[in-house]
């Protein structure tokens, strides 16, 4: 998975890390979704540090959007 794939998923608007993980790997078991979330959040952290995505709090959730 590349950062470009994650950024591309944000073209349609904000998404949670869970929504991104589900888009990338739609049929994961509960254990594997936890691992997928860890990978997605790590990539989002890098993208945020690079100024390519931002966090937007909304209704008690954190959405990620393109900068």
C-alpha atoms as a PDB file:
ATOM      1  CA  UNK A   1       0.000   0.000   0.000  1.00  0.00           C
ATOM      2  CA  UNK A   2       1.260   3.443  -0.793  1.00  0.00           C
ATOM      3  CA  UNK A   3       0.423   6.793   0.702  1.00  0.00           C
ATOM      4  CA  UNK A   4      -0.989   7.794  -2.698  1.00  0.00           C
ATOM      5  CA  UNK A   5      -3.698   5.136  -2.378  1.00  0.00           C
ATOM      6  CA  UNK A   6      -4.796   6.528   0.978  1.00  0.00           C
ATOM      7  CA  UNK A   7      -4.754  10.112  -0.294  1.00  0.00           C
ATOM      8  CA  UNK A   8      -6.800   8.986  -3.293  1.00  0.00           C
ATOM      9  CA  UNK A   9      -9.426   7.484  -1.002  1.00  0.00           C
ATOM     10  CA  UNK A  10      -9.871  10.926   0.546  1.00  0.00           C
ATOM     11  CA  UNK A  11     -10.856  12.519  -2.774  1.00  0.00           C
ATOM     12  CA  UNK A  12     -14.525  11.890  -1.975  1.00  0.00           C
ATOM     13  CA  UNK A  13     -14.352  13.679   1.379  1.00  0.00           C
ATOM     14  CA  UNK A  14     -13.363  12.923   4.927  1.00  0.00           C
ATOM     15  CA  UNK A  15     -13.072   9.373   6.229  1.00  0.00           C
ATOM     16  CA  UNK A  16     -12.175   7.758   9.505  1.00  0.00           C
ATOM     17  CA  UNK A  17      -9.157   5.489   9.754  1.00  0.00           C
ATOM     18  CA  UNK A  18     -11.579   2.564  10.091  1.00  0.00           C
ATOM     19  CA  UNK A  19     -13.398   3.529   6.879  1.00  0.00           C
ATOM     20  CA  UNK A  20     -10.080   3.761   5.050  1.00  0.00           C
ATOM     21  CA  UNK A  21      -9.017   0.334   6.341  1.00  0.00           C
ATOM     22  CA  UNK A  22     -12.351  -1.169   5.254  1.00  0.00           C
ATOM     23  CA  UNK A  23     -11.943   0.322   1.780  1.00  0.00           C
ATOM     24  CA  UNK A  24      -8.459  -1.140   1.441  1.00  0.00           C
ATOM     25  CA  UNK A  25      -9.255  -4.560   2.923  1.00  0.00           C
ATOM     26  CA  UNK A  26     -13.040  -5.127   2.961  1.00  0.00           C
ATOM     27  CA  UNK A  27     -13.158  -8.725   4.249  1.00  0.00           C
ATOM     28  CA  UNK A  28     -10.878  -8.791   7.278  1.00  0.00           C
ATOM     29  CA  UNK A  29     -11.431 -10.647  10.538  1.00  0.00           C
ATOM     30  CA  UNK A  30     -11.605  -8.592  13.759  1.00  0.00           C
ATOM     31  CA  UNK A  31      -7.960  -9.363  14.575  1.00  0.00           C
ATOM     32  CA  UNK A  32      -6.794  -8.401  11.120  1.00  0.00           C
ATOM     33  CA  UNK A  33      -8.847  -5.191  11.062  1.00  0.00           C
ATOM     34  CA  UNK A  34      -6.927  -4.165  14.191  1.00  0.00           C
ATOM     35  CA  UNK A  35      -3.651  -4.731  12.338  1.00  0.00           C
ATOM     36  CA  UNK A  36      -4.972  -2.920   9.265  1.00  0.00           C
ATOM     37  CA  UNK A  37      -5.988   0.043  11.430  1.00  0.00           C
ATOM     38  CA  UNK A  38      -2.480   0.193  12.862  1.00  0.00           C
ATOM     39  CA  UNK A  39      -1.021   0.358   9.369  1.00  0.00           C
ATOM     40  CA  UNK A  40      -3.508   2.958   8.147  1.00  0.00           C
ATOM     41  CA  UNK A  41      -3.024   5.182  11.201  1.00  0.00           C
ATOM     42  CA  UNK A  42       0.757   4.976  10.786  1.00  0.00           C
ATOM     43  CA  UNK A  43       0.451   6.089   7.170  1.00  0.00           C
ATOM     44  CA  UNK A  44      -1.988   8.860   8.116  1.00  0.00           C
ATOM     45  CA  UNK A  45       0.471  10.122  10.744  1.00  0.00           C
ATOM     46  CA  UNK A  46       3.186  10.393   8.085  1.00  0.00           C
ATOM     47  CA  UNK A  47       0.817  12.091   5.642  1.00  0.00           C
ATOM     48  CA  UNK A  48      -0.228  14.537   8.351  1.00  0.00           C
ATOM     49  CA  UNK A  49       3.419  15.331   9.173  1.00  0.00           C
ATOM     50  CA  UNK A  50       3.983  15.988   5.453  1.00  0.00           C
ATOM     51  CA  UNK A  51       0.980  18.331   5.389  1.00  0.00           C
ATOM     52  CA  UNK A  52      -0.949  16.188   2.911  1.00  0.00           C
ATOM     53  CA  UNK A  53      -3.871  15.297   5.193  1.00  0.00           C
ATOM     54  CA  UNK A  54      -5.500  16.939   8.196  1.00  0.00           C
ATOM     55  CA  UNK A  55      -7.618  15.654  11.053  1.00  0.00           C
ATOM     56  CA  UNK A  56     -11.129  17.077  11.367  1.00  0.00           C
ATOM     57  CA  UNK A  57     -13.064  16.316  14.569  1.00  0.00           C
ATOM     58  CA  UNK A  58     -16.727  15.635  13.758  1.00  0.00           C
ATOM     59  CA  UNK A  59     -19.415  14.209  16.035  1.00  0.00           C
ATOM     60  CA  UNK A  60     -16.918  12.536  18.351  1.00  0.00           C
ATOM     61  CA  UNK A  61     -14.908  10.980  15.500  1.00  0.00           C
ATOM     62  CA  UNK A  62     -11.736  12.027  13.755  1.00  0.00           C
ATOM     63  CA  UNK A  63     -12.073  12.323  10.001  1.00  0.00           C
ATOM     64  CA  UNK A  64      -9.061  12.645   7.743  1.00  0.00           C
ATOM     65  CA  UNK A  65      -9.265  14.916   4.715  1.00  0.00           C
ATOM     66  CA  UNK A  66      -6.840  16.123   2.083  1.00  0.00           C
ATOM     67  CA  UNK A  67      -5.036  19.330   2.940  1.00  0.00           C
END
